[in-house]
C-alpha atoms as a PDB file:
ATOM      1  CA  UNK A   1      24.011  -7.066  -5.684  1.00  0.00           C
ATOM      2  CA  UNK A   2      21.730  -9.345  -7.495  1.00  0.00           C
ATOM      3  CA  UNK A   3      21.445 -11.919  -4.611  1.00  0.00           C
ATOM      4  CA  UNK A   4      20.934  -9.779  -2.031  1.00  0.00           C
ATOM      5  CA  UNK A   5      17.241 -10.044  -0.787  1.00  0.00           C
ATOM      6  CA  UNK A   6      15.331  -6.392  -1.080  1.00  0.00           C
ATOM      7  CA  UNK A   7      15.706  -5.387   2.422  1.00  0.00           C
ATOM      8  CA  UNK A   8      19.447  -6.255   2.161  1.00  0.00           C
ATOM      9  CA  UNK A   9      20.171  -4.319  -1.018  1.00  0.00           C
ATOM     10  CA  UNK A  10      18.189  -1.345   0.614  1.00  0.00           C
ATOM     11  CA  UNK A  11      20.530  -1.292   3.812  1.00  0.00           C
ATOM     12  CA  UNK A  12      23.390  -1.755   1.307  1.00  0.00           C
ATOM     13  CA  UNK A  13      22.429   1.269  -0.698  1.00  0.00           C
ATOM     14  CA  UNK A  14      21.281   3.359   2.248  1.00  0.00           C
ATOM     15  CA  UNK A  15      24.848   2.621   3.505  1.00  0.00           C
ATOM     16  CA  UNK A  16      26.685   3.981   0.798  1.00  0.00           C
ATOM     17  CA  UNK A  17      24.292   7.083   0.802  1.00  0.00           C
ATOM     18  CA  UNK A  18      25.399   7.664   4.105  1.00  0.00           C
ATOM     19  CA  UNK A  19      28.849   7.411   3.932  1.00  0.00           C
ATOM     20  CA  UNK A  20      28.958   9.735   0.563  1.00  0.00           C
ATOM     21  CA  UNK A  21      26.922  12.476   2.863  1.00  0.00           C
ATOM     22  CA  UNK A  22      29.635  11.904   5.323  1.00  0.00           C
ATOM     23  CA  UNK A  23      32.102  12.730   3.153  1.00  0.00           C
ATOM     24  CA  UNK A  24      30.569  15.086   0.921  1.00  0.00           C
ATOM     25  CA  UNK A  25      29.917  14.412  -2.569  1.00  0.00           C
ATOM     26  CA  UNK A  26      31.372  18.047  -3.632  1.00  0.00           C
ATOM     27  CA  UNK A  27      35.041  16.590  -1.808  1.00  0.00           C
ATOM     28  CA  UNK A  28      34.247  12.898  -3.445  1.00  0.00           C
ATOM     29  CA  UNK A  29      34.026  14.907  -7.165  1.00  0.00           C
ATOM     30  CA  UNK A  30      30.506  13.013  -7.706  1.00  0.00           C
ATOM     31  CA  UNK A  31      27.739  16.019  -7.146  1.00  0.00           C
ATOM     32  CA  UNK A  32      26.291  15.229 -10.586  1.00  0.00           C
ATOM     33  CA  UNK A  33      26.699  11.106 -10.313  1.00  0.00           C
ATOM     34  CA  UNK A  34      25.034  11.508  -6.878  1.00  0.00           C
ATOM     35  CA  UNK A  35      22.143  13.350  -7.774  1.00  0.00           C
ATOM     36  CA  UNK A  36      21.191  10.674 -10.130  1.00  0.00           C
ATOM     37  CA  UNK A  37      22.255   7.972  -7.563  1.00  0.00           C
ATOM     38  CA  UNK A  38      19.775   9.289  -5.558  1.00  0.00           C
ATOM     39  CA  UNK A  39      16.707   9.856  -7.366  1.00  0.00           C
ATOM     40  CA  UNK A  40      17.245   6.589  -8.529  1.00  0.00           C
ATOM     41  CA  UNK A  41      17.152   5.446  -4.837  1.00  0.00           C
ATOM     42  CA  UNK A  42      14.230   7.130  -4.259  1.00  0.00           C
ATOM     43  CA  UNK A  43      12.638   5.458  -7.458  1.00  0.00           C
ATOM     44  CA  UNK A  44      13.325   2.177  -5.771  1.00  0.00           C
ATOM     45  CA  UNK A  45      11.834   3.295  -2.305  1.00  0.00           C
ATOM     46  CA  UNK A  46       8.808   3.772  -4.207  1.00  0.00           C
ATOM     47  CA  UNK A  47       8.970   0.540  -6.000  1.00  0.00           C
ATOM     48  CA  UNK A  48       9.873  -1.516  -2.864  1.00  0.00           C
ATOM     49  CA  UNK A  49       7.021   0.032  -0.685  1.00  0.00           C
ATOM     50  CA  UNK A  50       4.479  -0.665  -3.426  1.00  0.00           C
ATOM     51  CA  UNK A  51       5.734  -4.318  -3.512  1.00  0.00           C
ATOM     52  CA  UNK A  52       5.219  -4.754   0.350  1.00  0.00           C
ATOM     53  CA  UNK A  53       1.538  -4.318  -1.012  1.00  0.00           C
ATOM     54  CA  UNK A  54      -1.603  -2.271  -0.136  1.00  0.00           C
ATOM     55  CA  UNK A  55      -1.278  -0.316   3.224  1.00  0.00           C
ATOM     56  CA  UNK A  56      -5.514   0.347   2.920  1.00  0.00           C
ATOM     57  CA  UNK A  57      -6.042  -3.491   3.143  1.00  0.00           C
ATOM     58  CA  UNK A  58      -6.924  -3.714   6.494  1.00  0.00           C
ATOM     59  CA  UNK A  59      -8.906  -0.267   6.365  1.00  0.00           C
ATOM     60  CA  UNK A  60     -10.435  -1.968   3.517  1.00  0.00           C
ATOM     61  CA  UNK A  61     -11.617  -5.331   5.374  1.00  0.00           C
ATOM     62  CA  UNK A  62     -12.844  -3.035   8.321  1.00  0.00           C
ATOM     63  CA  UNK A  63     -14.882  -0.921   6.775  1.00  0.00           C
ATOM     64  CA  UNK A  64     -16.377  -3.959   4.686  1.00  0.00           C
ATOM     65  CA  UNK A  65     -17.135  -5.395   7.949  1.00  0.00           C
ATOM     66  CA  UNK A  66     -18.394  -2.352   9.642  1.00  0.00           C
ATOM     67  CA  UNK A  67     -20.725  -1.832   6.673  1.00  0.00           C
ATOM     68  CA  UNK A  68     -21.729  -5.807   6.568  1.00  0.00           C
ATOM     69  CA  UNK A  69     -22.726  -5.279  10.623  1.00  0.00           C
ATOM     70  CA  UNK A  70     -24.916  -2.039   9.833  1.00  0.00           C
ATOM     71  CA  UNK A  71     -26.610  -3.378   7.075  1.00  0.00           C
ATOM     72  CA  UNK A  72     -27.422  -6.655   8.784  1.00  0.00           C
ATOM     73  CA  UNK A  73     -28.329  -4.625  11.903  1.00  0.00           C
ATOM     74  CA  UNK A  74     -31.150  -2.535   9.683  1.00  0.00           C
ATOM     75  CA  UNK A  75     -32.348  -5.445   8.323  1.00  0.00           C
ATOM     76  CA  UNK A  76     -33.029  -7.308  11.168  1.00  0.00           C
ATOM     77  CA  UNK A  77     -34.670  -3.678  12.676  1.00  0.00           C
ATOM     78  CA  UNK A  78     -37.094  -3.442  10.006  1.00  0.00           C
ATOM     79  CA  UNK A  79     -37.910  -7.154   9.955  1.00  0.00           C
ATOM     80  CA  UNK A  80     -38.428  -6.819  14.002  1.00  0.00           C
ATOM     81  CA  UNK A  81     -41.106  -4.283  12.819  1.00  0.00           C
ATOM     82  CA  UNK A  82     -43.323  -6.724  10.928  1.00  0.00           C
ATOM     83  CA  UNK A  83     -44.379  -8.017  14.634  1.00  0.00           C
ATOM     84  CA  UNK A  84     -45.041  -4.529  16.169  1.00  0.00           C
ATOM     85  CA  UNK A  85     -48.150  -4.348  17.684  1.00  0.00           C
ATOM     86  CA  UNK A  86     -49.521  -1.398  15.653  1.00  0.00           C
ATOM     87  CA  UNK A  87     -50.657  -2.689  12.322  1.00  0.00           C
ATOM     88  CA  UNK A  88     -49.998   0.609  10.745  1.00  0.00           C
ATOM     89  CA  UNK A  89     -46.640   0.104  11.744  1.00  0.00           C
ATOM     90  CA  UNK A  90     -46.335  -3.514  10.623  1.00  0.00           C
ATOM     91  CA  UNK A  91     -47.471  -2.182   7.112  1.00  0.00           C
ATOM     92  CA  UNK A  92     -44.911   0.386   6.698  1.00  0.00           C
ATOM     93  CA  UNK A  93     -42.535  -2.254   7.963  1.00  0.00           C
ATOM     94  CA  UNK A  94     -43.754  -4.776   5.417  1.00  0.00           C
ATOM     95  CA  UNK A  95     -43.544  -2.022   2.389  1.00  0.00           C
ATOM     96  CA  UNK A  96     -39.999  -1.433   3.262  1.00  0.00           C
ATOM     97  CA  UNK A  97     -39.051  -5.580   3.383  1.00  0.00           C
ATOM     98  CA  UNK A  98     -40.391  -5.956  -0.111  1.00  0.00           C
ATOM     99  CA  UNK A  99     -37.585  -3.697  -1.237  1.00  0.00           C
ATOM    100  CA  UNK A 100     -34.570  -5.429   0.871  1.00  0.00           C
ATOM    101  CA  UNK A 101     -36.128  -8.810  -0.307  1.00  0.00           C
ATOM    102  CA  UNK A 102     -36.063  -7.979  -3.633  1.00  0.00           C
ATOM    103  CA  UNK A 103     -32.333  -7.075  -3.252  1.00  0.00           C
ATOM    104  CA  UNK A 104     -31.528 -10.051  -1.522  1.00  0.00           C
ATOM    105  CA  UNK A 105     -28.631 -10.759   0.852  1.00  0.00           C
ATOM    106  CA  UNK A 106     -26.229  -8.081  -0.746  1.00  0.00           C
ATOM    107  CA  UNK A 107     -23.896  -8.931   2.073  1.00  0.00           C
ATOM    108  CA  UNK A 108     -22.420 -11.636  -0.157  1.00  0.00           C
ATOM    109  CA  UNK A 109     -21.893 -10.096  -3.186  1.00  0.00           C
ATOM    110  CA  UNK A 110     -18.402  -8.474  -4.344  1.00  0.00           C
ATOM    111  CA  UNK A 111     -17.261  -5.364  -2.740  1.00  0.00           C
ATOM    112  CA  UNK A 112     -17.980  -3.259  -6.170  1.00  0.00           C
ATOM    113  CA  UNK A 113     -21.689  -5.280  -6.626  1.00  0.00           C
ATOM    114  CA  UNK A 114     -22.066  -4.638  -2.635  1.00  0.00           C
ATOM    115  CA  UNK A 115     -21.559  -0.946  -2.833  1.00  0.00           C
ATOM    116  CA  UNK A 116     -23.500  -0.453  -5.844  1.00  0.00           C
ATOM    117  CA  UNK A 117     -26.438  -2.347  -4.393  1.00  0.00           C
ATOM    118  CA  UNK A 118     -26.502  -0.886  -1.032  1.00  0.00           C
ATOM    119  CA  UNK A 119     -26.545   3.008  -2.834  1.00  0.00           C
ATOM    120  CA  UNK A 120     -29.478   1.488  -4.930  1.00  0.00           C
ATOM    121  CA  UNK A 121     -31.503   0.359  -2.079  1.00  0.00           C
ATOM    122  CA  UNK A 122     -31.379   2.599   0.214  1.00  0.00           C
ATOM    123  CA  UNK A 123     -31.979   5.305  -2.614  1.00  0.00           C
ATOM    124  CA  UNK A 124     -34.927   3.151  -3.321  1.00  0.00           C
ATOM    125  CA  UNK A 125     -36.331   3.173   0.158  1.00  0.00           C
ATOM    126  CA  UNK A 126     -36.103   6.886   0.767  1.00  0.00           C
ATOM    127  CA  UNK A 127     -37.494   7.986  -2.188  1.00  0.00           C
ATOM    128  CA  UNK A 128     -40.558   5.450  -2.146  1.00  0.00           C
ATOM    129  CA  UNK A 129     -40.656   5.599   1.679  1.00  0.00           C
ATOM    130  CA  UNK A 130     -38.851   7.685   3.666  1.00  0.00           C
ATOM    131  CA  UNK A 131     -42.202   8.619   5.577  1.00  0.00           C
ATOM    132  CA  UNK A 132     -42.967   4.487   6.345  1.00  0.00           C
ATOM    133  CA  UNK A 133     -39.268   4.342   7.575  1.00  0.00           C
ATOM    134  CA  UNK A 134     -39.479   7.730   9.802  1.00  0.00           C
ATOM    135  CA  UNK A 135     -42.319   5.466  11.473  1.00  0.00           C
ATOM    136  CA  UNK A 136     -40.289   2.521  12.284  1.00  0.00           C
ATOM    137  CA  UNK A 137     -38.730   3.065  15.851  1.00  0.00           C
ATOM    138  CA  UNK A 138     -39.674   6.969  16.124  1.00  0.00           C
ATOM    139  CA  UNK A 139     -37.289   7.809  13.515  1.00  0.00           C
ATOM    140  CA  UNK A 140     -34.213   5.383  14.474  1.00  0.00           C
ATOM    141  CA  UNK A 141     -35.197   3.885  11.074  1.00  0.00           C
ATOM    142  CA  UNK A 142     -34.002   7.040   8.985  1.00  0.00           C
ATOM    143  CA  UNK A 143     -30.930   7.375  11.217  1.00  0.00           C
ATOM    144  CA  UNK A 144     -30.256   3.731  10.918  1.00  0.00           C
ATOM    145  CA  UNK A 145     -30.427   3.813   7.118  1.00  0.00           C
ATOM    146  CA  UNK A 146     -28.459   6.997   7.087  1.00  0.00           C
ATOM    147  CA  UNK A 147     -25.549   5.400   9.460  1.00  0.00           C
ATOM    148  CA  UNK A 148     -25.470   2.536   6.802  1.00  0.00           C
ATOM    149  CA  UNK A 149     -25.333   5.052   3.838  1.00  0.00           C
ATOM    150  CA  UNK A 150     -22.282   6.740   5.362  1.00  0.00           C
ATOM    151  CA  UNK A 151     -20.771   3.360   6.477  1.00  0.00           C
ATOM    152  CA  UNK A 152     -20.636   2.473   2.523  1.00  0.00           C
ATOM    153  CA  UNK A 153     -19.802   5.610   1.047  1.00  0.00           C
ATOM    154  CA  UNK A 154     -16.665   5.563   3.466  1.00  0.00           C
ATOM    155  CA  UNK A 155     -15.837   1.898   2.056  1.00  0.00           C
ATOM    156  CA  UNK A 156     -16.188   3.166  -1.634  1.00  0.00           C
ATOM    157  CA  UNK A 157     -13.567   6.048  -0.313  1.00  0.00           C
ATOM    158  CA  UNK A 158     -11.111   3.749   1.246  1.00  0.00           C
ATOM    159  CA  UNK A 159     -11.524   1.216  -1.823  1.00  0.00           C
ATOM    160  CA  UNK A 160     -10.650   4.406  -3.992  1.00  0.00           C
ATOM    161  CA  UNK A 161      -7.440   4.910  -1.987  1.00  0.00           C
ATOM    162  CA  UNK A 162      -6.227   1.366  -2.177  1.00  0.00           C
ATOM    163  CA  UNK A 163      -7.045   1.525  -6.478  1.00  0.00           C
ATOM    164  CA  UNK A 164      -4.874   4.439  -6.601  1.00  0.00           C
ATOM    165  CA  UNK A 165      -2.278   2.649  -4.386  1.00  0.00           C
ATOM    166  CA  UNK A 166      -2.496  -0.465  -6.851  1.00  0.00           C
ATOM    167  CA  UNK A 167      -2.104   1.647  -9.620  1.00  0.00           C
ATOM    168  CA  UNK A 168       1.150   2.739  -8.576  1.00  0.00           C
ATOM    169  CA  UNK A 169       2.211  -0.784  -7.479  1.00  0.00           C
ATOM    170  CA  UNK A 170       2.061  -1.747 -11.044  1.00  0.00           C
ATOM    171  CA  UNK A 171       3.870   0.814 -12.684  1.00  0.00           C
ATOM    172  CA  UNK A 172       6.614   0.402 -10.249  1.00  0.00           C
ATOM    173  CA  UNK A 173       9.229  -2.323 -11.299  1.00  0.00           C
ATOM    174  CA  UNK A 174      11.440  -3.342  -8.508  1.00  0.00           C
ATOM    175  CA  UNK A 175      14.208  -5.347 -10.601  1.00  0.00           C
ATOM    176  CA  UNK A 176      14.543  -2.786 -12.775  1.00  0.00           C
ATOM    177  CA  UNK A 177      14.499   0.076 -10.259  1.00  0.00           C
ATOM    178  CA  UNK A 178      17.510  -1.842  -8.395  1.00  0.00           C
ATOM    179  CA  UNK A 179      19.291  -2.377 -11.501  1.00  0.00           C
ATOM    180  CA  UNK A 180      18.920   1.356 -12.167  1.00  0.00           C
ATOM    181  CA  UNK A 181      20.416   1.957  -8.673  1.00  0.00           C
ATOM    182  CA  UNK A 182      23.431  -0.457  -9.209  1.00  0.00           C
ATOM    183  CA  UNK A 183      24.160   1.394 -12.607  1.00  0.00           C
ATOM    184  CA  UNK A 184      23.864   4.864 -10.515  1.00  0.00           C
ATOM    185  CA  UNK A 185      25.992   3.490  -7.958  1.00  0.00           C
ATOM    186  CA  UNK A 186      28.819   1.889 -10.501  1.00  0.00           C
ATOM    187  CA  UNK A 187      29.189   5.006 -12.148  1.00  0.00           C
ATOM    188  CA  UNK A 188      29.989   6.521  -8.923  1.00  0.00           C
ATOM    189  CA  UNK A 189      32.577   3.562  -7.807  1.00  0.00           C
ATOM    190  CA  UNK A 190      34.120   4.316 -11.496  1.00  0.00           C
ATOM    191  CA  UNK A 191      34.397   8.361 -10.979  1.00  0.00           C
ATOM    192  CA  UNK A 192      36.124   8.001  -7.458  1.00  0.00           C
ATOM    193  CA  UNK A 193      38.230   4.972  -8.750  1.00  0.00           C
ATOM    194  CA  UNK A 194      39.385   7.749 -11.698  1.00  0.00           C
ATOM    195  CA  UNK A 195      40.102  10.505  -9.341  1.00  0.00           C
ATOM    196  CA  UNK A 196      41.927   8.619  -7.077  1.00  0.00           C
ATOM    197  CA  UNK A 197      44.334   7.832  -9.653  1.00  0.00           C
ATOM    198  CA  UNK A 198      44.614  11.441 -10.968  1.00  0.00           C
ATOM    199  CA  UNK A 199      44.537  13.076  -7.670  1.00  0.00           C
ATOM    200  CA  UNK A 200      45.887  10.226  -5.099  1.00  0.00           C
ATOM    201  CA  UNK A 201      43.932   8.345  -2.924  1.00  0.00           C
ATOM    202  CA  UNK A 202      44.174  10.634   0.481  1.00  0.00           C
ATOM    203  CA  UNK A 203      40.556  12.666   0.093  1.00  0.00           C
ATOM    204  CA  UNK A 204      38.932   9.252  -1.267  1.00  0.00           C
ATOM    205  CA  UNK A 205      40.342   6.453   1.403  1.00  0.00           C
ATOM    206  CA  UNK A 206      37.887   6.987   4.035  1.00  0.00           C
ATOM    207  CA  UNK A 207      34.850   6.516   1.358  1.00  0.00           C
ATOM    208  CA  UNK A 208      36.405   3.715  -0.244  1.00  0.00           C
ATOM    209  CA  UNK A 209      37.340   1.677   2.888  1.00  0.00           C
ATOM    210  CA  UNK A 210      33.542   1.906   4.125  1.00  0.00           C
ATOM    211  CA  UNK A 211      32.509   1.299   0.910  1.00  0.00           C
ATOM    212  CA  UNK A 212      34.249  -1.895   0.275  1.00  0.00           C
ATOM    213  CA  UNK A 213      33.681  -2.881   4.268  1.00  0.00           C
ATOM    214  CA  UNK A 214      29.779  -2.755   3.386  1.00  0.00           C
ATOM    215  CA  UNK A 215      30.323  -5.076  -0.022  1.00  0.00           C
ATOM    216  CA  UNK A 216      32.433  -7.312   2.098  1.00  0.00           C
ATOM    217  CA  UNK A 217      30.010  -7.829   4.671  1.00  0.00           C
ATOM    218  CA  UNK A 218      27.037  -8.406   1.932  1.00  0.00           C
ATOM    219  CA  UNK A 219      29.605 -10.691   0.175  1.00  0.00           C
ATOM    220  CA  UNK A 220      29.715 -12.726   3.584  1.00  0.00           C
ATOM    221  CA  UNK A 221      25.971 -12.646   3.759  1.00  0.00           C
ATOM    222  CA  UNK A 222      25.280 -14.212   0.018  1.00  0.00           C
ATOM    223  CA  UNK A 223      28.372 -16.722   0.764  1.00  0.00           C
ATOM    224  CA  UNK A 224      26.399 -17.839   3.597  1.00  0.00           C
ATOM    225  CA  UNK A 225      23.120 -18.405   2.374  1.00  0.00           C
ATOM    226  CA  UNK A 226      24.573 -19.886  -0.793  1.00  0.00           C
ATOM    227  CA  UNK A 227      26.614 -22.452   1.431  1.00  0.00           C
ATOM    228  CA  UNK A 228      23.223 -23.469   3.058  1.00  0.00           C
ATOM    229  CA  UNK A 229      21.736 -24.127  -0.507  1.00  0.00           C
ATOM    230  CA  UNK A 230      24.536 -24.370  -2.732  1.00  0.00           C
ATOM    231  CA  UNK A 231      25.326 -22.422  -6.123  1.00  0.00           C
ATOM    232  CA  UNK A 232      27.343 -19.767  -6.842  1.00  0.00           C
ATOM    233  CA  UNK A 233      27.475 -15.787  -5.675  1.00  0.00           C
ATOM    234  CA  UNK A 234      27.887 -12.681  -7.127  1.00  0.00           C
ATOM    235  CA  UNK A 235      28.350  -9.111  -5.364  1.00  0.00           C
ATOM    236  CA  UNK A 236      28.656  -5.495  -5.728  1.00  0.00           C
ATOM    237  CA  UNK A 237      32.023  -4.518  -7.111  1.00  0.00           C
ATOM    238  CA  UNK A 238      34.104  -2.809  -4.919  1.00  0.00           C
ATOM    239  CA  UNK A 239      35.551   0.605  -5.164  1.00  0.00           C
ATOM    240  CA  UNK A 240      39.285   0.166  -5.364  1.00  0.00           C
END
């Protein structure tokens, strides 16, 4: 089974599992072996899902893009008030712009650095110039900064979700999981072959025929692929 692609390997064992359920593990005399087999299959499914990559990547990209747009809008909003006809409003905007300029273009930083700098800068603005911020746009300055803080917090939350997923990905070894599933399947094959010798094939013939059909089908896939590239093939050991 080593030459099967992951999706082919997964489908093969899904077919095996379906055949076991149809005949029932009790009838086949493999209750214990099937429990181990299904546990190993579940471990492999988790490993395959992790290998496909983070499902949160798009969410993170979107969240980062949204906070960048919100931050850009906030900075331009404050900057526009430097040209306000009221000198007092101009001064308020100038005070806030000093802090913005001190931090520079935060949007160019990496994810974690941007998160930290946005938090620190926004906190500094609200702690030092809350009244000045409220004066911009009749409260819109405060509302915009609150929206930016929310956007930054949402990004941090999504990034944490991906970090959790990546930990699972690191610990999930697909090759080892596949080998464990194959070993568990081989234990089932060995058990059924032994029972067929002792009890006769009547109770096992349907399952054995299905298993061998699935194995032969996948052997043909591997053979066809190898024929295009050149090289040897290997396959699952069939039930007999």
